[in-house]
Amino acid sequence: MKSENTQIVNIRNTGWYIETPTGFDGPFESEEEASTFLALVKSSNAARAEFAGLQYTPQD
């Protein structure tokens, strides 16, 4: 069963999982819980990329 978000799936009624490039994270008790976790992962990845950009100092 797939969610509206294509990264969230229910695998054989064992729980909700988030599909990532390295495999699956989970199980989560509900689709809502998986969605909340996915939003947190995405925001932390965005913050990490922004921080890396701020740390970059080109050579003069």
PDB file of N, CA and C in Angstrom:
ATOM      1  N   MET A   1       0.844  -1.170   0.000  1.00  0.00           N
ATOM      2  CA  MET A   1       0.000   0.000   0.000  1.00  0.00           C
ATOM      3  C   MET A   1       0.890   1.235   0.000  1.00  0.00           C
ATOM      4  N   LYS A   2       0.602   2.174  -0.895  1.00  0.00           N
ATOM      5  CA  LYS A   2       1.375   3.407  -1.006  1.00  0.00           C
ATOM      6  C   LYS A   2       0.584   4.558  -0.410  1.00  0.00           C
ATOM      7  N   SER A   3       1.312   5.524   0.080  1.00  0.00           N
ATOM      8  CA  SER A   3       0.753   6.752   0.619  1.00  0.00           C
ATOM      9  C   SER A   3       0.648   7.760  -0.520  1.00  0.00           C
ATOM     10  N   GLU A   4       0.096   8.939  -0.227  1.00  0.00           N
ATOM     11  CA  GLU A   4       0.117  10.026  -1.204  1.00  0.00           C
ATOM     12  C   GLU A   4       1.558  10.413  -1.491  1.00  0.00           C
ATOM     13  N   ASN A   5       2.420  10.340  -0.476  1.00  0.00           N
ATOM     14  CA  ASN A   5       3.838  10.583  -0.646  1.00  0.00           C
ATOM     15  C   ASN A   5       4.466   9.270  -1.103  1.00  0.00           C
ATOM     16  N   THR A   6       5.110   9.275  -2.253  1.00  0.00           N
ATOM     17  CA  THR A   6       5.626   8.029  -2.822  1.00  0.00           C
ATOM     18  C   THR A   6       6.773   7.423  -2.032  1.00  0.00           C
ATOM     19  N   GLN A   7       7.343   8.155  -1.077  1.00  0.00           N
ATOM     20  CA  GLN A   7       8.421   7.613  -0.262  1.00  0.00           C
ATOM     21  C   GLN A   7       7.907   6.837   0.942  1.00  0.00           C
ATOM     22  N   ILE A   8       6.612   6.890   1.217  1.00  0.00           N
ATOM     23  CA  ILE A   8       6.034   6.215   2.382  1.00  0.00           C
ATOM     24  C   ILE A   8       5.213   5.017   1.906  1.00  0.00           C
ATOM     25  N   VAL A   9       5.558   3.832   2.415  1.00  0.00           N
ATOM     26  CA  VAL A   9       4.853   2.611   2.018  1.00  0.00           C
ATOM     27  C   VAL A   9       4.495   1.785   3.252  1.00  0.00           C
ATOM     28  N   ASN A  10       3.436   0.979   3.109  1.00  0.00           N
ATOM     29  CA  ASN A  10       3.043   0.031   4.146  1.00  0.00           C
ATOM     30  C   ASN A  10       3.415  -1.346   3.625  1.00  0.00           C
ATOM     31  N   ILE A  11       4.359  -2.002   4.282  1.00  0.00           N
ATOM     32  CA  ILE A  11       4.854  -3.288   3.806  1.00  0.00           C
ATOM     33  C   ILE A  11       4.150  -4.425   4.535  1.00  0.00           C
ATOM     34  N   ARG A  12       3.304  -5.121   3.826  1.00  0.00           N
ATOM     35  CA  ARG A  12       2.603  -6.307   4.335  1.00  0.00           C
ATOM     36  C   ARG A  12       2.007  -6.110   5.722  1.00  0.00           C
ATOM     37  N   ASN A  13       1.421  -4.981   5.939  1.00  0.00           N
ATOM     38  CA  ASN A  13       0.759  -4.650   7.195  1.00  0.00           C
ATOM     39  C   ASN A  13       1.667  -4.797   8.418  1.00  0.00           C
ATOM     40  N   THR A  14       2.973  -4.649   8.247  1.00  0.00           N
ATOM     41  CA  THR A  14       3.898  -4.701   9.382  1.00  0.00           C
ATOM     42  C   THR A  14       4.209  -3.313   9.899  1.00  0.00           C
ATOM     43  N   GLY A  15       3.719  -2.300   9.231  1.00  0.00           N
ATOM     44  CA  GLY A  15       3.950  -0.916   9.625  1.00  0.00           C
ATOM     45  C   GLY A  15       4.282  -0.063   8.419  1.00  0.00           C
ATOM     46  N   TRP A  16       4.397   1.203   8.678  1.00  0.00           N
ATOM     47  CA  TRP A  16       4.717   2.169   7.623  1.00  0.00           C
ATOM     48  C   TRP A  16       6.218   2.384   7.587  1.00  0.00           C
ATOM     49  N   TYR A  17       6.774   2.436   6.381  1.00  0.00           N
ATOM     50  CA  TYR A  17       8.206   2.601   6.183  1.00  0.00           C
ATOM     51  C   TYR A  17       8.458   3.770   5.240  1.00  0.00           C
ATOM     52  N   ILE A  18       9.634   4.368   5.383  1.00  0.00           N
ATOM     53  CA  ILE A  18      10.052   5.444   4.490  1.00  0.00           C
ATOM     54  C   ILE A  18      11.141   4.881   3.588  1.00  0.00           C
ATOM     55  N   GLU A  19      10.934   5.006   2.282  1.00  0.00           N
ATOM     56  CA  GLU A  19      11.916   4.520   1.324  1.00  0.00           C
ATOM     57  C   GLU A  19      12.999   5.573   1.137  1.00  0.00           C
ATOM     58  N   THR A  20      14.247   5.170   1.338  1.00  0.00           N
ATOM     59  CA  THR A  20      15.387   6.070   1.193  1.00  0.00           C
ATOM     60  C   THR A  20      16.349   5.467   0.171  1.00  0.00           C
ATOM     61  N   PRO A  21      17.335   6.244  -0.264  1.00  0.00           N
ATOM     62  CA  PRO A  21      18.303   5.700  -1.225  1.00  0.00           C
ATOM     63  C   PRO A  21      19.080   4.488  -0.680  1.00  0.00           C
ATOM     64  N   THR A  22      19.188   4.375   0.641  1.00  0.00           N
ATOM     65  CA  THR A  22      19.949   3.275   1.232  1.00  0.00           C
ATOM     66  C   THR A  22      19.076   2.144   1.751  1.00  0.00           C
ATOM     67  N   GLY A  23      17.774   2.221   1.582  1.00  0.00           N
ATOM     68  CA  GLY A  23      16.879   1.167   2.058  1.00  0.00           C
ATOM     69  C   GLY A  23      15.604   1.750   2.646  1.00  0.00           C
ATOM     70  N   PHE A  24      15.124   1.153   3.720  1.00  0.00           N
ATOM     71  CA  PHE A  24      13.885   1.592   4.353  1.00  0.00           C
ATOM     72  C   PHE A  24      14.136   1.951   5.811  1.00  0.00           C
ATOM     73  N   ASP A  25      13.486   3.031   6.282  1.00  0.00           N
ATOM     74  CA  ASP A  25      13.485   3.401   7.695  1.00  0.00           C
ATOM     75  C   ASP A  25      12.113   3.070   8.249  1.00  0.00           C
ATOM     76  N   GLY A  26      12.068   2.506   9.428  1.00  0.00           N
ATOM     77  CA  GLY A  26      10.795   2.188  10.050  1.00  0.00           C
ATOM     78  C   GLY A  26      10.931   0.914  10.844  1.00  0.00           C
ATOM     79  N   PRO A  27       9.865   0.347  11.290  1.00  0.00           N
ATOM     80  CA  PRO A  27       8.479   0.707  10.999  1.00  0.00           C
ATOM     81  C   PRO A  27       7.950   1.834  11.884  1.00  0.00           C
ATOM     82  N   PHE A  28       6.970   2.536  11.358  1.00  0.00           N
ATOM     83  CA  PHE A  28       6.244   3.558  12.095  1.00  0.00           C
ATOM     84  C   PHE A  28       4.828   3.057  12.302  1.00  0.00           C
ATOM     85  N   GLU A  29       4.210   3.496  13.386  1.00  0.00           N
ATOM     86  CA  GLU A  29       2.876   2.998  13.729  1.00  0.00           C
ATOM     87  C   GLU A  29       1.788   3.502  12.799  1.00  0.00           C
ATOM     88  N   SER A  30       2.001   4.688  12.227  1.00  0.00           N
ATOM     89  CA  SER A  30       0.975   5.239  11.346  1.00  0.00           C
ATOM     90  C   SER A  30       1.625   5.979  10.184  1.00  0.00           C
ATOM     91  N   GLU A  31       0.837   6.209   9.167  1.00  0.00           N
ATOM     92  CA  GLU A  31       1.303   6.975   8.013  1.00  0.00           C
ATOM     93  C   GLU A  31       1.653   8.404   8.438  1.00  0.00           C
ATOM     94  N   GLU A  32       0.885   8.955   9.360  1.00  0.00           N
ATOM     95  CA  GLU A  32       1.136  10.310   9.848  1.00  0.00           C
ATOM     96  C   GLU A  32       2.488  10.393  10.560  1.00  0.00           C
ATOM     97  N   GLU A  33       2.799   9.388  11.366  1.00  0.00           N
ATOM     98  CA  GLU A  33       4.083   9.361  12.063  1.00  0.00           C
ATOM     99  C   GLU A  33       5.243   9.262  11.061  1.00  0.00           C
ATOM    100  N   ALA A  34       5.084   8.438  10.044  1.00  0.00           N
ATOM    101  CA  ALA A  34       6.108   8.311   9.006  1.00  0.00           C
ATOM    102  C   ALA A  34       6.281   9.624   8.249  1.00  0.00           C
ATOM    103  N   SER A  35       5.184  10.287   7.971  1.00  0.00           N
ATOM    104  CA  SER A  35       5.221  11.565   7.260  1.00  0.00           C
ATOM    105  C   SER A  35       5.940  12.634   8.081  1.00  0.00           C
ATOM    106  N   THR A  36       5.680  12.666   9.377  1.00  0.00           N
ATOM    107  CA  THR A  36       6.349  13.621  10.267  1.00  0.00           C
ATOM    108  C   THR A  36       7.849  13.363  10.295  1.00  0.00           C
ATOM    109  N   PHE A  37       8.236  12.092  10.401  1.00  0.00           N
ATOM    110  CA  PHE A  37       9.651  11.740  10.416  1.00  0.00           C
ATOM    111  C   PHE A  37      10.319  12.121   9.098  1.00  0.00           C
ATOM    112  N   LEU A  38       9.642  11.865   7.979  1.00  0.00           N
ATOM    113  CA  LEU A  38      10.193  12.210   6.666  1.00  0.00           C
ATOM    114  C   LEU A  38      10.403  13.713   6.548  1.00  0.00           C
ATOM    115  N   ALA A  39       9.459  14.502   7.042  1.00  0.00           N
ATOM    116  CA  ALA A  39       9.603  15.968   7.002  1.00  0.00           C
ATOM    117  C   ALA A  39      10.811  16.411   7.831  1.00  0.00           C
ATOM    118  N   LEU A  40      11.024  15.783   8.978  1.00  0.00           N
ATOM    119  CA  LEU A  40      12.185  16.110   9.809  1.00  0.00           C
ATOM    120  C   LEU A  40      13.497  15.752   9.112  1.00  0.00           C
ATOM    121  N   VAL A  41      13.524  14.602   8.449  1.00  0.00           N
ATOM    122  CA  VAL A  41      14.724  14.186   7.726  1.00  0.00           C
ATOM    123  C   VAL A  41      15.023  15.173   6.600  1.00  0.00           C
ATOM    124  N   LYS A  42      13.998  15.554   5.860  1.00  0.00           N
ATOM    125  CA  LYS A  42      14.200  16.492   4.753  1.00  0.00           C
ATOM    126  C   LYS A  42      14.683  17.851   5.256  1.00  0.00           C
ATOM    127  N   SER A  43      14.119  18.328   6.365  1.00  0.00           N
ATOM    128  CA  SER A  43      14.541  19.636   6.875  1.00  0.00           C
ATOM    129  C   SER A  43      15.955  19.580   7.429  1.00  0.00           C
ATOM    130  N   SER A  44      16.337  18.461   8.044  1.00  0.00           N
ATOM    131  CA  SER A  44      17.711  18.354   8.548  1.00  0.00           C
ATOM    132  C   SER A  44      18.703  18.255   7.396  1.00  0.00           C
ATOM    133  N   ASN A  45      18.327  17.582   6.322  1.00  0.00           N
ATOM    134  CA  ASN A  45      19.198  17.519   5.148  1.00  0.00           C
ATOM    135  C   ASN A  45      19.364  18.894   4.519  1.00  0.00           C
ATOM    136  N   ALA A  46      18.290  19.672   4.460  1.00  0.00           N
ATOM    137  CA  ALA A  46      18.362  21.020   3.908  1.00  0.00           C
ATOM    138  C   ALA A  46      19.238  21.907   4.781  1.00  0.00           C
ATOM    139  N   ALA A  47      19.110  21.770   6.088  1.00  0.00           N
ATOM    140  CA  ALA A  47      19.932  22.560   7.008  1.00  0.00           C
ATOM    141  C   ALA A  47      21.398  22.168   6.879  1.00  0.00           C
ATOM    142  N   ARG A  48      21.659  20.882   6.708  1.00  0.00           N
ATOM    143  CA  ARG A  48      23.034  20.404   6.557  1.00  0.00           C
ATOM    144  C   ARG A  48      23.648  20.985   5.275  1.00  0.00           C
ATOM    145  N   ALA A  49      22.897  21.005   4.181  1.00  0.00           N
ATOM    146  CA  ALA A  49      23.398  21.548   2.923  1.00  0.00           C
ATOM    147  C   ALA A  49      23.631  23.049   3.042  1.00  0.00           C
ATOM    148  N   GLU A  50      22.730  23.748   3.726  1.00  0.00           N
ATOM    149  CA  GLU A  50      22.896  25.186   3.912  1.00  0.00           C
ATOM    150  C   GLU A  50      24.123  25.479   4.767  1.00  0.00           C
ATOM    151  N   PHE A  51      24.320  24.711   5.820  1.00  0.00           N
ATOM    152  CA  PHE A  51      25.475  24.900   6.692  1.00  0.00           C
ATOM    153  C   PHE A  51      26.771  24.653   5.920  1.00  0.00           C
ATOM    154  N   ALA A  52      26.785  23.619   5.090  1.00  0.00           N
ATOM    155  CA  ALA A  52      27.979  23.317   4.296  1.00  0.00           C
ATOM    156  C   ALA A  52      28.284  24.475   3.354  1.00  0.00           C
ATOM    157  N   GLY A  53      27.251  25.087   2.802  1.00  0.00           N
ATOM    158  CA  GLY A  53      27.449  26.242   1.923  1.00  0.00           C
ATOM    159  C   GLY A  53      27.997  27.441   2.672  1.00  0.00           C
ATOM    160  N   LEU A  54      27.554  27.626   3.914  1.00  0.00           N
ATOM    161  CA  LEU A  54      28.042  28.744   4.714  1.00  0.00           C
ATOM    162  C   LEU A  54      29.491  28.544   5.123  1.00  0.00           C
ATOM    163  N   GLN A  55      29.925  27.292   5.255  1.00  0.00           N
ATOM    164  CA  GLN A  55      31.282  26.996   5.674  1.00  0.00           C
ATOM    165  C   GLN A  55      32.290  27.134   4.538  1.00  0.00           C
ATOM    166  N   TYR A  56      31.792  27.192   3.298  1.00  0.00           N
ATOM    167  CA  TYR A  56      32.677  27.266   2.141  1.00  0.00           C
ATOM    168  C   TYR A  56      33.271  28.663   2.041  1.00  0.00           C
ATOM    169  N   THR A  57      34.580  28.751   1.982  1.00  0.00           N
ATOM    170  CA  THR A  57      35.267  30.038   1.818  1.00  0.00           C
ATOM    171  C   THR A  57      36.217  29.902   0.639  1.00  0.00           C
ATOM    172  N   PRO A  58      35.918  30.575  -0.463  1.00  0.00           N
ATOM    173  CA  PRO A  58      36.819  30.464  -1.617  1.00  0.00           C
ATOM    174  C   PRO A  58      38.179  31.098  -1.333  1.00  0.00           C
ATOM    175  N   GLN A  59      39.190  30.556  -1.966  1.00  0.00           N
ATOM    176  CA  GLN A  59      40.540  31.105  -1.826  1.00  0.00           C
ATOM    177  C   GLN A  59      40.610  32.457  -2.526  1.00  0.00           C
ATOM    178  N   ASP A  60      41.260  33.425  -1.891  1.00  0.00           N
ATOM    179  CA  ASP A  60      41.396  34.757  -2.507  1.00  0.00           C
ATOM    180  C   ASP A  60      42.578  34.801  -3.431  1.00  0.00           C
TER     181      ASP A  60
END
